[in-house]
Amino acid sequence: MRAYVFITTQGDARPIVEKIRAIKGVKEADAIWGPIDIIALVEADDAKALIDLVPVKIRKIPGVNSTDTRIAL
């Protein structure tokens, strides 16, 4: 299962993107300009693993305000 995660942050996104890149299951993550601060490509074996990855690991990083996950078809 592959998904794109759009992440908004508080403050400088660059140190947060480094923490996101270190998470197992995150294939790519980049800080971007615009209303979204970071976009990440993640892969998980199933929906349960995806839930463990985004709400449990990514959203818990200090400075992450919100996430919006879009599952690829």
PDB file of N, CA and C in Angstrom:
ATOM      1  N   MET A   1       0.853  -1.163   0.000  1.00  0.00           N
ATOM      2  CA  MET A   1       0.000   0.000   0.000  1.00  0.00           C
ATOM      3  C   MET A   1       0.907   1.238   0.000  1.00  0.00           C
ATOM      4  N   ARG A   2       0.665   2.128  -0.945  1.00  0.00           N
ATOM      5  CA  ARG A   2       1.457   3.347  -1.077  1.00  0.00           C
ATOM      6  C   ARG A   2       0.552   4.548  -0.848  1.00  0.00           C
ATOM      7  N   ALA A   3       1.084   5.563  -0.180  1.00  0.00           N
ATOM      8  CA  ALA A   3       0.298   6.775   0.079  1.00  0.00           C
ATOM      9  C   ALA A   3       1.202   7.997   0.068  1.00  0.00           C
ATOM     10  N   TYR A   4       0.595   9.115  -0.252  1.00  0.00           N
ATOM     11  CA  TYR A   4       1.264  10.409  -0.168  1.00  0.00           C
ATOM     12  C   TYR A   4       0.708  11.115   1.059  1.00  0.00           C
ATOM     13  N   VAL A   5       1.589  11.668   1.861  1.00  0.00           N
ATOM     14  CA  VAL A   5       1.172  12.349   3.081  1.00  0.00           C
ATOM     15  C   VAL A   5       1.565  13.816   2.959  1.00  0.00           C
ATOM     16  N   PHE A   6       0.572  14.691   3.040  1.00  0.00           N
ATOM     17  CA  PHE A   6       0.786  16.133   3.007  1.00  0.00           C
ATOM     18  C   PHE A   6       0.821  16.609   4.453  1.00  0.00           C
ATOM     19  N   ILE A   7       1.888  17.295   4.823  1.00  0.00           N
ATOM     20  CA  ILE A   7       2.141  17.630   6.222  1.00  0.00           C
ATOM     21  C   ILE A   7       2.307  19.130   6.388  1.00  0.00           C
ATOM     22  N   THR A   8       1.601  19.704   7.357  1.00  0.00           N
ATOM     23  CA  THR A   8       1.829  21.102   7.722  1.00  0.00           C
ATOM     24  C   THR A   8       2.580  21.123   9.039  1.00  0.00           C
ATOM     25  N   THR A   9       3.450  22.122   9.168  1.00  0.00           N
ATOM     26  CA  THR A   9       4.312  22.207  10.342  1.00  0.00           C
ATOM     27  C   THR A   9       4.261  23.596  10.957  1.00  0.00           C
ATOM     28  N   GLN A  10       4.811  23.681  12.130  1.00  0.00           N
ATOM     29  CA  GLN A  10       4.985  24.960  12.798  1.00  0.00           C
ATOM     30  C   GLN A  10       6.475  25.281  12.749  1.00  0.00           C
ATOM     31  N   GLY A  11       6.817  26.420  12.196  1.00  0.00           N
ATOM     32  CA  GLY A  11       8.225  26.803  12.110  1.00  0.00           C
ATOM     33  C   GLY A  11       8.917  26.196  10.908  1.00  0.00           C
ATOM     34  N   ASP A  12      10.225  26.072  11.009  1.00  0.00           N
ATOM     35  CA  ASP A  12      11.071  25.577   9.929  1.00  0.00           C
ATOM     36  C   ASP A  12      10.803  24.090   9.678  1.00  0.00           C
ATOM     37  N   ALA A  13      10.442  23.734   8.465  1.00  0.00           N
ATOM     38  CA  ALA A  13      10.121  22.344   8.126  1.00  0.00           C
ATOM     39  C   ALA A  13      11.359  21.482   7.911  1.00  0.00           C
ATOM     40  N   ARG A  14      12.512  22.089   7.672  1.00  0.00           N
ATOM     41  CA  ARG A  14      13.695  21.302   7.313  1.00  0.00           C
ATOM     42  C   ARG A  14      14.134  20.311   8.389  1.00  0.00           C
ATOM     43  N   PRO A  15      14.196  20.679   9.677  1.00  0.00           N
ATOM     44  CA  PRO A  15      14.577  19.661  10.667  1.00  0.00           C
ATOM     45  C   PRO A  15      13.504  18.580  10.846  1.00  0.00           C
ATOM     46  N   ILE A  16      12.260  18.946  10.613  1.00  0.00           N
ATOM     47  CA  ILE A  16      11.169  17.976  10.740  1.00  0.00           C
ATOM     48  C   ILE A  16      11.233  16.967   9.598  1.00  0.00           C
ATOM     49  N   VAL A  17      11.533  17.421   8.399  1.00  0.00           N
ATOM     50  CA  VAL A  17      11.610  16.507   7.260  1.00  0.00           C
ATOM     51  C   VAL A  17      12.732  15.489   7.467  1.00  0.00           C
ATOM     52  N   GLU A  18      13.803  15.879   8.113  1.00  0.00           N
ATOM     53  CA  GLU A  18      14.893  14.934   8.399  1.00  0.00           C
ATOM     54  C   GLU A  18      14.416  13.832   9.337  1.00  0.00           C
ATOM     55  N   LYS A  19      13.617  14.178  10.329  1.00  0.00           N
ATOM     56  CA  LYS A  19      13.068  13.177  11.254  1.00  0.00           C
ATOM     57  C   LYS A  19      12.102  12.246  10.532  1.00  0.00           C
ATOM     58  N   ILE A  20      11.310  12.803   9.625  1.00  0.00           N
ATOM     59  CA  ILE A  20      10.360  11.987   8.865  1.00  0.00           C
ATOM     60  C   ILE A  20      11.105  11.008   7.964  1.00  0.00           C
ATOM     61  N   ARG A  21      12.173  11.452   7.324  1.00  0.00           N
ATOM     62  CA  ARG A  21      12.953  10.575   6.439  1.00  0.00           C
ATOM     63  C   ARG A  21      13.542   9.383   7.185  1.00  0.00           C
ATOM     64  N   ALA A  22      13.776   9.531   8.468  1.00  0.00           N
ATOM     65  CA  ALA A  22      14.386   8.457   9.266  1.00  0.00           C
ATOM     66  C   ALA A  22      13.388   7.372   9.680  1.00  0.00           C
ATOM     67  N   ILE A  23      12.105   7.586   9.447  1.00  0.00           N
ATOM     68  CA  ILE A  23      11.083   6.619   9.855  1.00  0.00           C
ATOM     69  C   ILE A  23      11.006   5.485   8.844  1.00  0.00           C
ATOM     70  N   LYS A  24      11.010   4.255   9.341  1.00  0.00           N
ATOM     71  CA  LYS A  24      10.869   3.085   8.474  1.00  0.00           C
ATOM     72  C   LYS A  24       9.503   3.133   7.785  1.00  0.00           C
ATOM     73  N   GLY A  25       9.507   2.950   6.481  1.00  0.00           N
ATOM     74  CA  GLY A  25       8.279   3.013   5.700  1.00  0.00           C
ATOM     75  C   GLY A  25       8.163   4.299   4.900  1.00  0.00           C
ATOM     76  N   VAL A  26       8.937   5.309   5.262  1.00  0.00           N
ATOM     77  CA  VAL A  26       8.958   6.559   4.504  1.00  0.00           C
ATOM     78  C   VAL A  26       9.984   6.385   3.389  1.00  0.00           C
ATOM     79  N   LYS A  27       9.518   6.415   2.158  1.00  0.00           N
ATOM     80  CA  LYS A  27      10.400   6.217   1.003  1.00  0.00           C
ATOM     81  C   LYS A  27      11.049   7.521   0.560  1.00  0.00           C
ATOM     82  N   GLU A  28      10.292   8.615   0.634  1.00  0.00           N
ATOM     83  CA  GLU A  28      10.801   9.936   0.265  1.00  0.00           C
ATOM     84  C   GLU A  28      10.066  10.975   1.093  1.00  0.00           C
ATOM     85  N   ALA A  29      10.732  12.073   1.376  1.00  0.00           N
ATOM     86  CA  ALA A  29      10.092  13.207   2.044  1.00  0.00           C
ATOM     87  C   ALA A  29      10.842  14.468   1.660  1.00  0.00           C
ATOM     88  N   ASP A  30      10.090  15.502   1.318  1.00  0.00           N
ATOM     89  CA  ASP A  30      10.698  16.771   0.913  1.00  0.00           C
ATOM     90  C   ASP A  30       9.927  17.938   1.494  1.00  0.00           C
ATOM     91  N   ALA A  31      10.659  18.955   1.919  1.00  0.00           N
ATOM     92  CA  ALA A  31      10.045  20.225   2.299  1.00  0.00           C
ATOM     93  C   ALA A  31       9.688  20.946   1.006  1.00  0.00           C
ATOM     94  N   ILE A  32       8.499  21.554   0.961  1.00  0.00           N
ATOM     95  CA  ILE A  32       8.041  22.241  -0.237  1.00  0.00           C
ATOM     96  C   ILE A  32       7.476  23.613   0.135  1.00  0.00           C
ATOM     97  N   TRP A  33       7.311  24.472  -0.860  1.00  0.00           N
ATOM     98  CA  TRP A  33       6.712  25.786  -0.649  1.00  0.00           C
ATOM     99  C   TRP A  33       5.225  25.699  -0.898  1.00  0.00           C
ATOM    100  N   GLY A  34       4.453  26.499  -0.166  1.00  0.00           N
ATOM    101  CA  GLY A  34       3.011  26.557  -0.364  1.00  0.00           C
ATOM    102  C   GLY A  34       2.282  26.274   0.930  1.00  0.00           C
ATOM    103  N   PRO A  35       0.985  26.018   0.840  1.00  0.00           N
ATOM    104  CA  PRO A  35       0.194  25.792   2.053  1.00  0.00           C
ATOM    105  C   PRO A  35       0.564  24.484   2.765  1.00  0.00           C
ATOM    106  N   ILE A  36       1.164  23.545   2.040  1.00  0.00           N
ATOM    107  CA  ILE A  36       1.669  22.306   2.617  1.00  0.00           C
ATOM    108  C   ILE A  36       3.178  22.476   2.774  1.00  0.00           C
ATOM    109  N   ASP A  37       3.725  22.051   3.904  1.00  0.00           N
ATOM    110  CA  ASP A  37       5.154  22.257   4.173  1.00  0.00           C
ATOM    111  C   ASP A  37       6.031  21.075   3.773  1.00  0.00           C
ATOM    112  N   ILE A  38       5.470  19.858   3.880  1.00  0.00           N
ATOM    113  CA  ILE A  38       6.231  18.643   3.578  1.00  0.00           C
ATOM    114  C   ILE A  38       5.326  17.679   2.835  1.00  0.00           C
ATOM    115  N   ILE A  39       5.883  17.003   1.844  1.00  0.00           N
ATOM    116  CA  ILE A  39       5.185  15.898   1.193  1.00  0.00           C
ATOM    117  C   ILE A  39       6.041  14.656   1.375  1.00  0.00           C
ATOM    118  N   ALA A  40       5.404  13.553   1.768  1.00  0.00           N
ATOM    119  CA  ALA A  40       6.122  12.303   1.991  1.00  0.00           C
ATOM    120  C   ALA A  40       5.445  11.174   1.231  1.00  0.00           C
ATOM    121  N   LEU A  41       6.246  10.304   0.666  1.00  0.00           N
ATOM    122  CA  LEU A  41       5.760   9.082   0.040  1.00  0.00           C
ATOM    123  C   LEU A  41       6.039   7.954   1.027  1.00  0.00           C
ATOM    124  N   VAL A  42       4.988   7.242   1.406  1.00  0.00           N
ATOM    125  CA  VAL A  42       5.143   6.162   2.382  1.00  0.00           C
ATOM    126  C   VAL A  42       4.624   4.860   1.790  1.00  0.00           C
ATOM    127  N   GLU A  43       5.165   3.746   2.282  1.00  0.00           N
ATOM    128  CA  GLU A  43       4.695   2.433   1.880  1.00  0.00           C
ATOM    129  C   GLU A  43       4.477   1.591   3.120  1.00  0.00           C
ATOM    130  N   ALA A  44       3.374   0.845   3.123  1.00  0.00           N
ATOM    131  CA  ALA A  44       3.030  -0.029   4.242  1.00  0.00           C
ATOM    132  C   ALA A  44       2.399  -1.299   3.682  1.00  0.00           C
ATOM    133  N   ASP A  45       2.487  -2.379   4.451  1.00  0.00           N
ATOM    134  CA  ASP A  45       1.941  -3.662   3.997  1.00  0.00           C
ATOM    135  C   ASP A  45       0.420  -3.670   3.928  1.00  0.00           C
ATOM    136  N   ASP A  46      -0.228  -2.927   4.827  1.00  0.00           N
ATOM    137  CA  ASP A  46      -1.686  -2.923   4.880  1.00  0.00           C
ATOM    138  C   ASP A  46      -2.166  -1.659   5.588  1.00  0.00           C
ATOM    139  N   ALA A  47      -3.482  -1.517   5.720  1.00  0.00           N
ATOM    140  CA  ALA A  47      -4.052  -0.311   6.340  1.00  0.00           C
ATOM    141  C   ALA A  47      -3.616  -0.164   7.790  1.00  0.00           C
ATOM    142  N   LYS A  48      -3.523  -1.269   8.523  1.00  0.00           N
ATOM    143  CA  LYS A  48      -3.099  -1.199   9.923  1.00  0.00           C
ATOM    144  C   LYS A  48      -1.680  -0.642  10.031  1.00  0.00           C
ATOM    145  N   ALA A  49      -0.798  -1.100   9.165  1.00  0.00           N
ATOM    146  CA  ALA A  49       0.578  -0.603   9.176  1.00  0.00           C
ATOM    147  C   ALA A  49       0.631   0.876   8.775  1.00  0.00           C
ATOM    148  N   LEU A  50      -0.240   1.284   7.855  1.00  0.00           N
ATOM    149  CA  LEU A  50      -0.303   2.687   7.454  1.00  0.00           C
ATOM    150  C   LEU A  50      -0.772   3.560   8.625  1.00  0.00           C
ATOM    151  N   ILE A  51      -1.749   3.064   9.374  1.00  0.00           N
ATOM    152  CA  ILE A  51      -2.226   3.792  10.551  1.00  0.00           C
ATOM    153  C   ILE A  51      -1.114   3.920  11.586  1.00  0.00           C
ATOM    154  N   ASP A  52      -0.310   2.883  11.744  1.00  0.00           N
ATOM    155  CA  ASP A  52       0.812   2.944  12.673  1.00  0.00           C
ATOM    156  C   ASP A  52       1.862   3.944  12.205  1.00  0.00           C
ATOM    157  N   LEU A  53       2.007   4.080  10.911  1.00  0.00           N
ATOM    158  CA  LEU A  53       3.021   4.964  10.351  1.00  0.00           C
ATOM    159  C   LEU A  53       2.638   6.438  10.436  1.00  0.00           C
ATOM    160  N   VAL A  54       1.443   6.784   9.973  1.00  0.00           N
ATOM    161  CA  VAL A  54       1.088   8.212   9.883  1.00  0.00           C
ATOM    162  C   VAL A  54       0.637   8.786  11.229  1.00  0.00           C
ATOM    163  N   PRO A  55      -0.479   8.336  11.811  1.00  0.00           N
ATOM    164  CA  PRO A  55      -0.910   8.974  13.057  1.00  0.00           C
ATOM    165  C   PRO A  55       0.014   8.702  14.239  1.00  0.00           C
ATOM    166  N   VAL A  56       0.598   7.516  14.278  1.00  0.00           N
ATOM    167  CA  VAL A  56       1.396   7.161  15.445  1.00  0.00           C
ATOM    168  C   VAL A  56       2.810   7.721  15.363  1.00  0.00           C
ATOM    169  N   LYS A  57       3.450   7.623  14.201  1.00  0.00           N
ATOM    170  CA  LYS A  57       4.856   8.042  14.103  1.00  0.00           C
ATOM    171  C   LYS A  57       5.032   9.457  13.560  1.00  0.00           C
ATOM    172  N   ILE A  58       4.401   9.777  12.442  1.00  0.00           N
ATOM    173  CA  ILE A  58       4.626  11.093  11.829  1.00  0.00           C
ATOM    174  C   ILE A  58       3.955  12.194  12.638  1.00  0.00           C
ATOM    175  N   ARG A  59       2.700  12.016  13.014  1.00  0.00           N
ATOM    176  CA  ARG A  59       1.986  13.084  13.738  1.00  0.00           C
ATOM    177  C   ARG A  59       2.559  13.357  15.116  1.00  0.00           C
ATOM    178  N   LYS A  60       3.294  12.422  15.686  1.00  0.00           N
ATOM    179  CA  LYS A  60       3.864  12.598  17.031  1.00  0.00           C
ATOM    180  C   LYS A  60       5.145  13.423  17.020  1.00  0.00           C
ATOM    181  N   ILE A  61       5.694  13.702  15.850  1.00  0.00           N
ATOM    182  CA  ILE A  61       6.930  14.486  15.768  1.00  0.00           C
ATOM    183  C   ILE A  61       6.628  15.922  16.190  1.00  0.00           C
ATOM    184  N   PRO A  62       7.396  16.459  17.132  1.00  0.00           N
ATOM    185  CA  PRO A  62       7.177  17.854  17.545  1.00  0.00           C
ATOM    186  C   PRO A  62       7.284  18.802  16.344  1.00  0.00           C
ATOM    187  N   GLY A  63       6.317  19.697  16.219  1.00  0.00           N
ATOM    188  CA  GLY A  63       6.293  20.654  15.123  1.00  0.00           C
ATOM    189  C   GLY A  63       5.334  20.270  14.011  1.00  0.00           C
ATOM    190  N   VAL A  64       4.880  19.008  13.970  1.00  0.00           N
ATOM    191  CA  VAL A  64       3.894  18.598  12.967  1.00  0.00           C
ATOM    192  C   VAL A  64       2.524  19.062  13.439  1.00  0.00           C
ATOM    193  N   ASN A  65       1.867  19.885  12.631  1.00  0.00           N
ATOM    194  CA  ASN A  65       0.530  20.390  12.975  1.00  0.00           C
ATOM    195  C   ASN A  65      -0.572  19.469  12.476  1.00  0.00           C
ATOM    196  N   SER A  66      -0.454  19.011  11.213  1.00  0.00           N
ATOM    197  CA  SER A  66      -1.516  18.173  10.659  1.00  0.00           C
ATOM    198  C   SER A  66      -0.964  17.326   9.534  1.00  0.00           C
ATOM    199  N   THR A  67      -1.699  16.264   9.222  1.00  0.00           N
ATOM    200  CA  THR A  67      -1.377  15.418   8.077  1.00  0.00           C
ATOM    201  C   THR A  67      -2.645  15.175   7.266  1.00  0.00           C
ATOM    202  N   ASP A  68      -2.468  14.982   5.968  1.00  0.00           N
ATOM    203  CA  ASP A  68      -3.541  14.649   5.061  1.00  0.00           C
ATOM    204  C   ASP A  68      -3.023  13.520   4.186  1.00  0.00           C
ATOM    205  N   THR A  69      -3.549  12.325   4.361  1.00  0.00           N
ATOM    206  CA  THR A  69      -3.028  11.142   3.675  1.00  0.00           C
ATOM    207  C   THR A  69      -3.889  10.790   2.471  1.00  0.00           C
ATOM    208  N   ARG A  70      -3.230  10.543   1.339  1.00  0.00           N
ATOM    209  CA  ARG A  70      -3.910  10.169   0.103  1.00  0.00           C
ATOM    210  C   ARG A  70      -3.346   8.836  -0.358  1.00  0.00           C
ATOM    211  N   ILE A  71      -4.178   7.801  -0.333  1.00  0.00           N
ATOM    212  CA  ILE A  71      -3.748   6.461  -0.718  1.00  0.00           C
ATOM    213  C   ILE A  71      -3.726   6.367  -2.244  1.00  0.00           C
ATOM    214  N   ALA A  72      -2.604   5.877  -2.776  1.00  0.00           N
ATOM    215  CA  ALA A  72      -2.470   5.704  -4.215  1.00  0.00           C
ATOM    216  C   ALA A  72      -3.198   4.444  -4.660  1.00  0.00           C
ATOM    217  N   LEU A  73      -3.819   4.517  -5.822  1.00  0.00           N
ATOM    218  CA  LEU A  73      -4.571   3.370  -6.354  1.00  0.00           C
ATOM    219  C   LEU A  73      -3.696   2.527  -7.255  1.00  0.00           C
TER     220      LEU A  73
END
